[in-house]
């Protein structure tokens, strides 16, 4: 991790862009375009980000993989990334972005 004295404050937009590098291992689409990010909260003074995130299923066994990817993707942007797993409202295909739908169609999914 980078020394916080050297870090500039990160915006929600920058953090969301970094999280596009976090790919759901089952679907092969990033968590942002899948609609798994419900909210981003940044404590600018401490440079700590908390991400409200869900998964396509509460029974998903890949929580640790996604957490590790998210921490790697945001390393250097924030001092610490915290993930707040939320299950309400439940995720559904309606949360997928237009770009995510295009990516899924390219993989052969009918969305």
N, C-alpha and C. Protein backbone atom coordinates (compact mmCIF):
# COMPACT_ATOMS: atom_id res chain seq x y z
N UNK A 1 0.83 -1.19 0.00
CA UNK A 1 0.00 0.00 0.00
C UNK A 1 0.87 1.25 0.00
N UNK A 2 0.33 2.27 -0.53
CA UNK A 2 1.04 3.53 -0.65
C UNK A 2 0.86 4.35 0.63
N UNK A 3 1.86 5.13 0.97
CA UNK A 3 1.77 6.02 2.13
C UNK A 3 0.66 7.04 1.89
N UNK A 4 -0.22 7.21 2.89
CA UNK A 4 -1.36 8.10 2.71
C UNK A 4 -0.94 9.54 2.45
N UNK A 5 0.22 9.94 2.91
CA UNK A 5 0.66 11.31 2.69
C UNK A 5 0.85 11.57 1.20
N UNK A 6 1.15 10.51 0.43
CA UNK A 6 1.38 10.66 -0.99
C UNK A 6 0.10 10.52 -1.81
N UNK A 7 -0.96 10.05 -1.20
CA UNK A 7 -2.20 9.80 -1.92
C UNK A 7 -3.04 11.06 -2.06
N UNK A 8 -3.55 11.25 -3.25
CA UNK A 8 -4.50 12.35 -3.43
C UNK A 8 -5.89 11.79 -3.17
N UNK A 9 -6.82 12.64 -2.78
CA UNK A 9 -8.18 12.15 -2.54
C UNK A 9 -8.75 11.53 -3.81
N UNK A 10 -9.42 10.42 -3.64
CA UNK A 10 -10.00 9.70 -4.78
C UNK A 10 -11.48 10.06 -4.89
N UNK A 11 -11.97 10.13 -6.11
CA UNK A 11 -13.39 10.40 -6.31
C UNK A 11 -14.15 9.08 -6.45
N UNK A 12 -15.44 9.16 -6.28
CA UNK A 12 -16.28 7.97 -6.46
C UNK A 12 -16.14 7.46 -7.90
N UNK A 13 -16.07 8.36 -8.85
CA UNK A 13 -15.91 8.00 -10.26
C UNK A 13 -14.61 7.22 -10.49
N UNK A 14 -13.51 7.69 -9.91
CA UNK A 14 -12.22 7.01 -10.07
C UNK A 14 -12.26 5.61 -9.44
N UNK A 15 -12.90 5.52 -8.29
CA UNK A 15 -13.00 4.24 -7.61
C UNK A 15 -13.88 3.28 -8.42
N UNK A 16 -14.98 3.78 -8.94
CA UNK A 16 -15.88 2.94 -9.76
C UNK A 16 -15.13 2.45 -11.00
N UNK A 17 -14.32 3.32 -11.61
CA UNK A 17 -13.54 2.93 -12.78
C UNK A 17 -12.53 1.84 -12.43
N UNK A 18 -11.88 1.97 -11.27
CA UNK A 18 -10.93 0.94 -10.83
C UNK A 18 -11.63 -0.39 -10.60
N UNK A 19 -12.86 -0.33 -10.07
CA UNK A 19 -13.60 -1.57 -9.79
C UNK A 19 -14.06 -2.27 -11.07
N UNK A 20 -13.94 -1.61 -12.21
CA UNK A 20 -14.26 -2.27 -13.48
C UNK A 20 -13.23 -3.36 -13.79
N UNK A 21 -12.11 -3.37 -13.07
CA UNK A 21 -11.10 -4.42 -13.23
C UNK A 21 -11.46 -5.67 -12.42
N UNK A 22 -12.51 -5.59 -11.61
CA UNK A 22 -12.94 -6.72 -10.80
C UNK A 22 -13.98 -7.49 -11.60
N UNK A 23 -13.63 -8.71 -11.97
CA UNK A 23 -14.47 -9.50 -12.87
C UNK A 23 -15.11 -10.65 -12.11
N UNK A 24 -16.42 -10.79 -12.27
CA UNK A 24 -17.13 -11.93 -11.70
C UNK A 24 -16.58 -13.18 -12.40
N UNK A 25 -15.95 -14.09 -11.63
CA UNK A 25 -15.31 -15.26 -12.25
C UNK A 25 -16.28 -16.18 -12.99
N UNK A 26 -17.54 -16.19 -12.60
CA UNK A 26 -18.50 -17.09 -13.25
C UNK A 26 -19.01 -16.53 -14.57
N UNK A 27 -19.24 -15.22 -14.62
CA UNK A 27 -19.82 -14.61 -15.82
C UNK A 27 -18.80 -13.93 -16.71
N UNK A 28 -17.64 -13.58 -16.16
CA UNK A 28 -16.61 -12.93 -16.96
C UNK A 28 -16.88 -11.47 -17.27
N UNK A 29 -17.77 -10.85 -16.50
CA UNK A 29 -18.12 -9.43 -16.68
C UNK A 29 -17.76 -8.70 -15.38
N UNK A 30 -17.34 -7.45 -15.50
CA UNK A 30 -16.94 -6.70 -14.31
C UNK A 30 -18.13 -6.41 -13.40
N UNK A 31 -17.83 -6.25 -12.10
CA UNK A 31 -18.87 -6.08 -11.09
C UNK A 31 -19.65 -4.77 -11.25
N UNK A 32 -19.04 -3.77 -11.86
CA UNK A 32 -19.72 -2.49 -12.07
C UNK A 32 -20.82 -2.66 -13.11
N UNK A 33 -20.47 -3.22 -14.26
CA UNK A 33 -21.45 -3.39 -15.34
C UNK A 33 -22.46 -4.48 -15.05
N UNK A 34 -22.15 -5.39 -14.14
CA UNK A 34 -23.14 -6.38 -13.72
C UNK A 34 -24.16 -5.77 -12.77
N UNK A 35 -23.85 -4.58 -12.26
CA UNK A 35 -24.77 -3.92 -11.34
C UNK A 35 -24.63 -4.42 -9.91
N UNK A 36 -23.47 -4.93 -9.57
CA UNK A 36 -23.25 -5.47 -8.22
C UNK A 36 -22.83 -4.41 -7.22
N UNK A 37 -22.46 -3.22 -7.69
CA UNK A 37 -22.06 -2.13 -6.81
C UNK A 37 -23.31 -1.31 -6.49
N UNK A 38 -23.70 -1.31 -5.23
CA UNK A 38 -24.91 -0.57 -4.81
C UNK A 38 -24.56 0.82 -4.29
N UNK A 39 -23.33 1.02 -3.84
CA UNK A 39 -22.96 2.34 -3.34
C UNK A 39 -21.48 2.40 -3.03
N UNK A 40 -20.92 3.60 -3.09
CA UNK A 40 -19.52 3.84 -2.75
C UNK A 40 -19.47 5.03 -1.80
N UNK A 41 -18.81 4.84 -0.68
CA UNK A 41 -18.67 5.89 0.33
C UNK A 41 -17.19 6.08 0.60
N UNK A 42 -16.73 7.32 0.50
CA UNK A 42 -15.30 7.59 0.69
C UNK A 42 -15.13 8.54 1.85
N UNK A 43 -14.33 8.10 2.84
CA UNK A 43 -13.93 8.97 3.94
C UNK A 43 -12.65 9.64 3.47
N UNK A 44 -12.78 10.86 2.97
CA UNK A 44 -11.65 11.57 2.39
C UNK A 44 -10.52 11.85 3.36
N UNK A 45 -10.86 12.12 4.63
CA UNK A 45 -9.81 12.41 5.62
C UNK A 45 -8.93 11.20 5.88
N UNK A 46 -9.56 10.03 6.03
CA UNK A 46 -8.80 8.82 6.32
C UNK A 46 -8.42 8.08 5.04
N UNK A 47 -9.01 8.49 3.90
CA UNK A 47 -8.78 7.84 2.61
C UNK A 47 -9.16 6.36 2.66
N UNK A 48 -10.33 6.10 3.25
CA UNK A 48 -10.87 4.75 3.33
C UNK A 48 -12.18 4.72 2.54
N UNK A 49 -12.30 3.73 1.68
CA UNK A 49 -13.52 3.59 0.88
C UNK A 49 -14.31 2.38 1.37
N UNK A 50 -15.61 2.56 1.45
CA UNK A 50 -16.51 1.46 1.76
C UNK A 50 -17.43 1.28 0.55
N UNK A 51 -17.46 0.07 0.05
CA UNK A 51 -18.27 -0.24 -1.12
C UNK A 51 -19.40 -1.16 -0.69
N UNK A 52 -20.63 -0.74 -0.97
CA UNK A 52 -21.80 -1.60 -0.76
C UNK A 52 -21.91 -2.44 -2.02
N UNK A 53 -21.75 -3.75 -1.84
CA UNK A 53 -21.71 -4.65 -2.99
C UNK A 53 -22.57 -5.87 -2.70
N UNK A 54 -23.13 -6.41 -3.75
CA UNK A 54 -23.88 -7.65 -3.64
C UNK A 54 -23.29 -8.65 -4.61
N UNK A 55 -23.85 -9.82 -4.64
CA UNK A 55 -23.44 -10.84 -5.60
C UNK A 55 -24.69 -11.35 -6.31
N UNK A 56 -24.51 -12.06 -7.40
CA UNK A 56 -25.66 -12.55 -8.14
C UNK A 56 -26.46 -13.55 -7.30
N UNK A 57 -25.79 -14.13 -6.30
CA UNK A 57 -26.46 -15.07 -5.40
C UNK A 57 -25.81 -14.97 -4.03
N UNK A 58 -26.62 -15.01 -2.97
CA UNK A 58 -26.07 -14.97 -1.61
C UNK A 58 -25.24 -16.21 -1.33
N UNK A 59 -25.45 -17.27 -2.09
CA UNK A 59 -24.71 -18.51 -1.90
C UNK A 59 -23.42 -18.57 -2.73
N UNK A 60 -23.07 -17.47 -3.37
CA UNK A 60 -21.88 -17.43 -4.22
C UNK A 60 -20.64 -17.79 -3.41
N UNK A 61 -19.87 -18.79 -3.86
CA UNK A 61 -18.67 -19.20 -3.13
C UNK A 61 -17.45 -18.34 -3.44
N UNK A 62 -17.60 -17.32 -4.27
CA UNK A 62 -16.45 -16.56 -4.75
C UNK A 62 -16.26 -15.21 -4.06
N UNK A 63 -16.88 -15.03 -2.90
CA UNK A 63 -16.78 -13.76 -2.18
C UNK A 63 -15.33 -13.36 -1.95
N UNK A 64 -14.50 -14.29 -1.48
CA UNK A 64 -13.10 -13.98 -1.18
C UNK A 64 -12.34 -13.58 -2.44
N UNK A 65 -12.60 -14.25 -3.54
CA UNK A 65 -11.93 -13.94 -4.80
C UNK A 65 -12.27 -12.51 -5.23
N UNK A 66 -13.53 -12.16 -5.15
CA UNK A 66 -13.97 -10.82 -5.56
C UNK A 66 -13.41 -9.77 -4.60
N UNK A 67 -13.38 -10.05 -3.30
CA UNK A 67 -12.79 -9.11 -2.34
C UNK A 67 -11.32 -8.89 -2.65
N UNK A 68 -10.57 -9.95 -2.92
CA UNK A 68 -9.14 -9.82 -3.23
C UNK A 68 -8.93 -9.00 -4.50
N UNK A 69 -9.75 -9.26 -5.52
CA UNK A 69 -9.65 -8.49 -6.77
C UNK A 69 -9.93 -7.01 -6.51
N UNK A 70 -10.94 -6.73 -5.71
CA UNK A 70 -11.33 -5.34 -5.42
C UNK A 70 -10.21 -4.62 -4.68
N UNK A 71 -9.60 -5.30 -3.72
CA UNK A 71 -8.50 -4.66 -2.97
C UNK A 71 -7.30 -4.41 -3.88
N UNK A 72 -6.99 -5.36 -4.75
CA UNK A 72 -5.88 -5.18 -5.70
C UNK A 72 -6.17 -4.03 -6.66
N UNK A 73 -7.41 -3.96 -7.15
CA UNK A 73 -7.79 -2.93 -8.13
C UNK A 73 -7.73 -1.52 -7.55
N UNK A 74 -7.96 -1.40 -6.24
CA UNK A 74 -8.00 -0.07 -5.62
C UNK A 74 -6.73 0.25 -4.82
N UNK A 75 -5.79 -0.67 -4.79
CA UNK A 75 -4.53 -0.43 -4.08
C UNK A 75 -3.83 0.76 -4.73
N UNK A 76 -3.41 1.71 -3.93
CA UNK A 76 -2.78 2.91 -4.46
C UNK A 76 -3.76 4.07 -4.61
N UNK A 77 -5.06 3.74 -4.69
CA UNK A 77 -6.08 4.80 -4.76
C UNK A 77 -6.58 5.17 -3.37
N UNK A 78 -6.75 4.15 -2.53
CA UNK A 78 -7.24 4.36 -1.17
C UNK A 78 -6.34 3.61 -0.20
N UNK A 79 -6.32 4.11 1.02
CA UNK A 79 -5.52 3.46 2.06
C UNK A 79 -6.11 2.09 2.40
N UNK A 80 -7.45 2.04 2.42
CA UNK A 80 -8.12 0.80 2.76
C UNK A 80 -9.45 0.72 2.02
N UNK A 81 -9.78 -0.49 1.58
CA UNK A 81 -11.07 -0.73 0.95
C UNK A 81 -11.84 -1.69 1.84
N UNK A 82 -13.05 -1.28 2.19
CA UNK A 82 -13.93 -2.14 2.98
C UNK A 82 -15.12 -2.50 2.10
N UNK A 83 -15.51 -3.75 2.15
CA UNK A 83 -16.68 -4.18 1.38
C UNK A 83 -17.79 -4.53 2.36
N UNK A 84 -18.91 -3.87 2.15
CA UNK A 84 -20.10 -4.12 2.94
C UNK A 84 -21.03 -4.96 2.05
N UNK A 85 -21.10 -6.25 2.33
CA UNK A 85 -21.94 -7.14 1.53
C UNK A 85 -23.40 -6.90 1.89
N UNK A 86 -24.20 -6.60 0.89
CA UNK A 86 -25.62 -6.34 1.11
C UNK A 86 -26.45 -7.28 0.24
N UNK A 87 -27.61 -7.65 0.74
CA UNK A 87 -28.46 -8.60 0.02
C UNK A 87 -29.83 -8.02 -0.28
N UNK A 88 -30.08 -6.80 0.18
CA UNK A 88 -31.35 -6.15 -0.10
C UNK A 88 -31.08 -4.80 -0.72
N UNK A 89 -31.65 -4.44 -1.81
CA UNK A 89 -32.55 -5.32 -2.56
C UNK A 89 -31.74 -6.42 -3.25
N UNK A 90 -32.36 -7.57 -3.48
CA UNK A 90 -31.63 -8.65 -4.14
C UNK A 90 -31.24 -8.24 -5.56
N UNK A 91 -30.09 -8.76 -6.00
CA UNK A 91 -29.63 -8.47 -7.35
C UNK A 91 -30.55 -9.16 -8.35
N UNK A 92 -30.74 -8.53 -9.48
CA UNK A 92 -31.49 -9.12 -10.58
C UNK A 92 -30.92 -8.61 -11.89
N UNK A 93 -31.22 -9.29 -12.98
CA UNK A 93 -30.70 -8.89 -14.29
C UNK A 93 -31.03 -7.45 -14.68
N UNK A 94 -32.06 -6.86 -14.06
CA UNK A 94 -32.42 -5.48 -14.36
C UNK A 94 -31.33 -4.50 -13.93
N UNK A 95 -30.41 -4.94 -13.08
CA UNK A 95 -29.35 -4.05 -12.59
C UNK A 95 -28.13 -3.99 -13.53
N UNK A 96 -28.11 -4.86 -14.54
CA UNK A 96 -26.99 -4.90 -15.47
C UNK A 96 -27.04 -3.65 -16.36
N UNK A 97 -25.89 -3.01 -16.54
CA UNK A 97 -25.82 -1.82 -17.40
C UNK A 97 -25.94 -2.23 -18.87
N UNK A 98 -26.17 -1.25 -19.73
CA UNK A 98 -26.24 -1.52 -21.17
C UNK A 98 -24.93 -2.13 -21.66
N UNK A 99 -23.80 -1.60 -21.16
CA UNK A 99 -22.49 -2.14 -21.57
C UNK A 99 -22.36 -3.59 -21.10
N UNK A 100 -22.82 -3.87 -19.86
CA UNK A 100 -22.78 -5.23 -19.34
C UNK A 100 -23.62 -6.17 -20.18
N UNK A 101 -24.77 -5.69 -20.63
CA UNK A 101 -25.65 -6.52 -21.49
C UNK A 101 -24.97 -6.84 -22.81
N UNK A 102 -24.28 -5.85 -23.37
CA UNK A 102 -23.54 -6.09 -24.62
C UNK A 102 -22.46 -7.13 -24.41
N UNK A 103 -21.74 -7.04 -23.28
CA UNK A 103 -20.68 -8.01 -22.99
C UNK A 103 -21.26 -9.41 -22.82
N UNK A 104 -22.39 -9.51 -22.13
CA UNK A 104 -23.02 -10.82 -21.93
C UNK A 104 -23.51 -11.40 -23.25
N UNK A 105 -24.08 -10.56 -24.11
CA UNK A 105 -24.53 -11.04 -25.43
C UNK A 105 -23.36 -11.56 -26.24
N UNK A 106 -22.21 -10.86 -26.13
CA UNK A 106 -21.01 -11.29 -26.86
C UNK A 106 -20.53 -12.66 -26.37
N UNK A 107 -20.86 -12.99 -25.11
CA UNK A 107 -20.49 -14.30 -24.56
C UNK A 107 -21.56 -15.35 -24.83
N UNK A 108 -22.65 -14.94 -25.50
CA UNK A 108 -23.69 -15.90 -25.85
C UNK A 108 -24.89 -15.93 -24.92
N UNK A 109 -24.93 -15.03 -23.94
CA UNK A 109 -26.09 -14.96 -23.04
C UNK A 109 -27.21 -14.19 -23.72
N UNK A 110 -28.44 -14.58 -23.45
CA UNK A 110 -29.60 -13.91 -24.02
C UNK A 110 -30.17 -12.97 -22.96
N UNK A 111 -29.74 -11.71 -22.99
CA UNK A 111 -30.22 -10.71 -22.01
C UNK A 111 -30.79 -9.49 -22.71
